[in-house]
Amino acid sequence: MIACNAASTVLGHPALTRSGLAICGVIAPAIAATLADPARVVRVIGGRRTIRSGLYRRALVAAGRRVHARVAHPLSALVERGQLDTPRVHAELGRILAPLRQVEALVLACTHYTALLPAIRGLLPRARIIDPAAAALAEVERAWSLGHVRSDMFLTTGDPEAMRTAAQLAFGVQLPAVQRVAL
């Protein structure tokens, strides 16, 4: 499970396709969840790499949706520092979401943003929020029939300790060992 939109933009990378592993990213399940929503106009907020990849835009436009995508920096960095309910986060969310006030459906194209759901819902109370993390988890549970088997492995292309710290600060989750991998 690649639980990152930016990393999911490279699922076709030869190193991943040769790995022989079953890999699920968050973008395809999020697109499916968005297409299941009745909104004809969809807003997408995400990191620079995710938005610039155009993966959400192309798939949703091909299905007849109007899409407005917006880079939402520096939200992920603030979440990783545990700044979930600070004046800075609220100011950044206000700036990023101001043009989206009348949105019907908002795709959170960064799994960090789920940590900001209360603040996002406060600013966009009528919007239906589409959470790629929840959509991907549902897809993994459906497709992989994991049952009660639990074997978590956490990998990062970044700093393992930084990942552990960010998980604790943002989500209150204590990760076991995190391994660094290179693509």
Protein backbone atom coordinates (compact mmCIF):
# COMPACT_ATOMS: atom_id res chain seq x y z
CA MET A 1 0.00 0.00 0.00
CA ILE A 2 1.52 3.28 -1.07
CA ALA A 3 -0.29 5.68 1.25
CA CYS A 4 0.93 8.84 -0.44
CA ASN A 5 -0.56 10.64 -3.43
CA ALA A 6 2.80 12.00 -4.60
CA ALA A 7 4.40 8.55 -4.43
CA SER A 8 1.35 7.04 -6.13
CA THR A 9 2.06 9.21 -9.17
CA VAL A 10 4.98 6.89 -10.01
CA LEU A 11 3.23 3.52 -9.72
CA GLY A 12 4.25 2.74 -13.30
CA HIS A 13 7.96 3.11 -12.41
CA PRO A 14 9.93 0.08 -13.69
CA ALA A 15 11.40 -0.66 -10.24
CA LEU A 16 7.88 -1.09 -8.87
CA THR A 17 6.48 -3.06 -11.78
CA ARG A 18 9.45 -5.50 -11.64
CA SER A 19 9.09 -5.97 -7.88
CA GLY A 20 6.46 -8.69 -8.22
CA LEU A 21 4.55 -7.15 -5.32
CA ALA A 22 0.85 -6.35 -5.42
CA ILE A 23 0.84 -2.59 -4.97
CA CYS A 24 -2.10 -0.28 -4.34
CA GLY A 25 -1.71 3.48 -4.37
CA VAL A 26 -4.23 6.04 -3.22
CA ILE A 27 -5.03 7.82 -6.48
CA ALA A 28 -7.00 5.13 -8.36
CA PRO A 29 -9.27 4.36 -5.34
CA ALA A 30 -9.79 8.10 -4.78
CA ILE A 31 -10.78 8.60 -8.40
CA ALA A 32 -13.24 5.72 -8.11
CA ALA A 33 -14.71 7.24 -4.93
CA THR A 34 -14.96 10.63 -6.64
CA LEU A 35 -16.75 9.11 -9.64
CA ALA A 36 -19.22 7.47 -7.23
CA ASP A 37 -20.07 10.93 -5.87
CA PRO A 38 -22.85 12.78 -7.74
CA ALA A 39 -20.94 16.09 -7.96
CA ARG A 40 -20.36 17.25 -11.53
CA VAL A 41 -17.81 19.87 -10.43
CA VAL A 42 -15.00 18.59 -8.24
CA ARG A 43 -12.25 20.45 -6.43
CA VAL A 44 -8.94 18.74 -5.71
CA ILE A 45 -6.33 20.00 -3.26
CA GLY A 46 -2.95 18.34 -2.98
CA GLY A 47 0.78 18.68 -3.06
CA ARG A 48 2.64 20.12 -6.01
CA ARG A 49 3.75 16.77 -7.48
CA THR A 50 0.27 15.27 -7.23
CA ILE A 51 -1.52 18.23 -8.78
CA ARG A 52 1.08 18.70 -11.53
CA SER A 53 0.90 15.01 -12.45
CA GLY A 54 -2.62 15.67 -13.75
CA LEU A 55 -3.75 12.15 -12.81
CA TYR A 56 -6.88 13.31 -11.01
CA ARG A 57 -7.73 15.93 -13.63
CA ARG A 58 -7.37 13.63 -16.66
CA ALA A 59 -9.37 10.76 -15.15
CA LEU A 60 -12.18 12.94 -13.85
CA VAL A 61 -12.43 15.10 -16.98
CA ALA A 62 -12.53 11.92 -19.11
CA ALA A 63 -15.54 10.86 -17.02
CA GLY A 64 -17.33 14.15 -17.70
CA ARG A 65 -16.50 16.02 -14.51
CA ARG A 66 -15.29 19.59 -14.30
CA VAL A 67 -12.17 19.71 -12.15
CA HIS A 68 -10.47 22.57 -10.38
CA ALA A 69 -7.17 21.55 -8.79
CA ARG A 70 -5.16 23.61 -6.36
CA VAL A 71 -1.73 23.10 -4.83
CA ALA A 72 -2.16 23.28 -1.06
CA HIS A 73 1.34 23.91 0.23
CA PRO A 74 2.45 24.12 3.03
CA LEU A 75 -0.28 22.00 4.63
CA SER A 76 1.54 18.65 4.60
CA ALA A 77 4.63 20.15 6.22
CA LEU A 78 2.51 21.72 8.95
CA VAL A 79 0.74 18.40 9.59
CA GLU A 80 4.08 16.59 9.83
CA ARG A 81 5.13 19.08 12.51
CA GLY A 82 1.93 18.39 14.43
CA GLN A 83 0.47 21.83 13.75
CA LEU A 84 -3.14 20.72 13.40
CA ASP A 85 -5.04 23.44 15.22
CA THR A 86 -2.77 26.48 15.14
CA PRO A 87 -3.34 30.01 13.84
CA ARG A 88 -0.91 29.29 10.98
CA VAL A 89 -2.82 26.18 9.87
CA HIS A 90 -6.14 28.02 10.02
CA ALA A 91 -4.68 30.94 8.04
CA GLU A 92 -3.25 28.62 5.37
CA LEU A 93 -6.49 26.64 5.13
CA GLY A 94 -8.45 29.88 4.84
CA ARG A 95 -6.22 31.06 2.01
CA ILE A 96 -6.28 27.72 0.16
CA LEU A 97 -10.00 27.02 0.60
CA ALA A 98 -11.31 30.59 0.10
CA PRO A 99 -11.92 30.11 -3.65
CA LEU A 100 -13.63 26.78 -2.94
CA ARG A 101 -16.38 27.99 -0.59
CA GLN A 102 -19.25 26.73 -2.79
CA VAL A 103 -17.71 23.34 -3.58
CA GLU A 104 -19.91 20.25 -3.62
CA ALA A 105 -17.11 17.68 -3.42
CA LEU A 106 -13.52 18.17 -2.31
CA VAL A 107 -10.85 15.54 -2.90
CA LEU A 108 -8.07 15.55 -0.33
CA ALA A 109 -5.24 14.55 -2.66
CA CYS A 110 -2.76 14.24 0.19
CA THR A 111 -3.15 11.71 2.96
CA HIS A 112 -1.77 14.24 5.44
CA TYR A 113 -4.89 16.37 5.04
CA THR A 114 -7.11 13.87 6.87
CA ALA A 115 -5.47 15.17 10.05
CA LEU A 116 -7.05 18.54 9.21
CA LEU A 117 -10.57 17.25 8.59
CA PRO A 118 -12.21 19.13 11.49
CA ALA A 119 -10.78 22.46 10.29
CA ILE A 120 -11.60 21.71 6.63
CA ARG A 121 -15.18 20.76 7.53
CA GLY A 122 -15.46 23.94 9.58
CA LEU A 123 -14.54 26.04 6.52
CA LEU A 124 -16.54 23.97 3.99
CA PRO A 125 -19.48 22.62 6.01
CA ARG A 126 -21.61 21.70 2.97
CA ALA A 127 -18.85 19.98 1.00
CA ARG A 128 -18.63 16.23 0.69
CA ILE A 129 -15.03 15.32 1.49
CA ILE A 130 -13.46 12.51 -0.52
CA ASP A 131 -10.59 10.99 1.43
CA PRO A 132 -8.13 8.97 -0.67
CA ALA A 133 -6.78 7.21 2.42
CA ALA A 134 -10.21 5.82 3.30
CA ALA A 135 -10.89 4.88 -0.33
CA ALA A 136 -7.53 3.08 -0.62
CA LEU A 137 -8.03 1.21 2.65
CA ALA A 138 -11.46 0.02 1.47
CA GLU A 139 -9.89 -1.11 -1.82
CA VAL A 140 -7.11 -3.03 -0.06
CA GLU A 141 -9.57 -4.70 2.30
CA ARG A 142 -11.81 -5.67 -0.63
CA ALA A 143 -9.13 -6.79 -3.09
CA TRP A 144 -6.61 -8.45 -0.81
CA SER A 145 -8.88 -10.31 1.64
CA LEU A 146 -6.48 -9.75 4.51
CA GLY A 147 -8.92 -10.90 7.17
CA HIS A 148 -7.28 -10.87 10.57
CA VAL A 149 -3.75 -11.34 9.27
CA ARG A 150 -1.67 -8.37 10.29
CA SER A 151 1.81 -7.80 9.04
CA ASP A 152 2.59 -4.12 8.87
CA MET A 153 5.78 -2.96 7.23
CA PHE A 154 6.56 0.73 6.93
CA LEU A 155 8.85 1.93 4.18
CA THR A 156 9.96 5.40 3.17
CA THR A 157 12.22 6.93 0.58
CA GLY A 158 12.93 9.67 3.10
CA ASP A 159 14.23 9.74 6.65
CA PRO A 160 12.76 6.83 8.69
CA GLU A 161 12.97 8.69 12.00
CA ALA A 162 11.30 11.76 10.48
CA MET A 163 8.47 9.49 9.29
CA ARG A 164 8.04 8.01 12.77
CA THR A 165 8.05 11.48 14.35
CA ALA A 166 5.54 12.84 11.82
CA ALA A 167 3.18 9.89 12.36
CA GLN A 168 3.27 10.51 16.09
CA LEU A 169 2.76 14.28 15.84
CA ALA A 170 0.11 14.26 13.13
CA PHE A 171 -1.91 11.16 13.92
CA GLY A 172 -0.83 10.04 17.38
CA VAL A 173 0.45 6.77 15.91
CA GLN A 174 3.60 5.10 17.18
CA LEU A 175 5.12 3.28 14.22
CA PRO A 176 7.42 0.30 14.72
CA ALA A 177 10.68 0.23 12.77
CA VAL A 178 10.59 2.11 9.46
CA GLN A 179 12.87 1.00 6.66
CA ARG A 180 14.40 3.30 4.06
CA VAL A 181 14.16 2.15 0.44
CA ALA A 182 15.46 3.65 -2.77
CA LEU A 183 13.70 3.65 -6.09
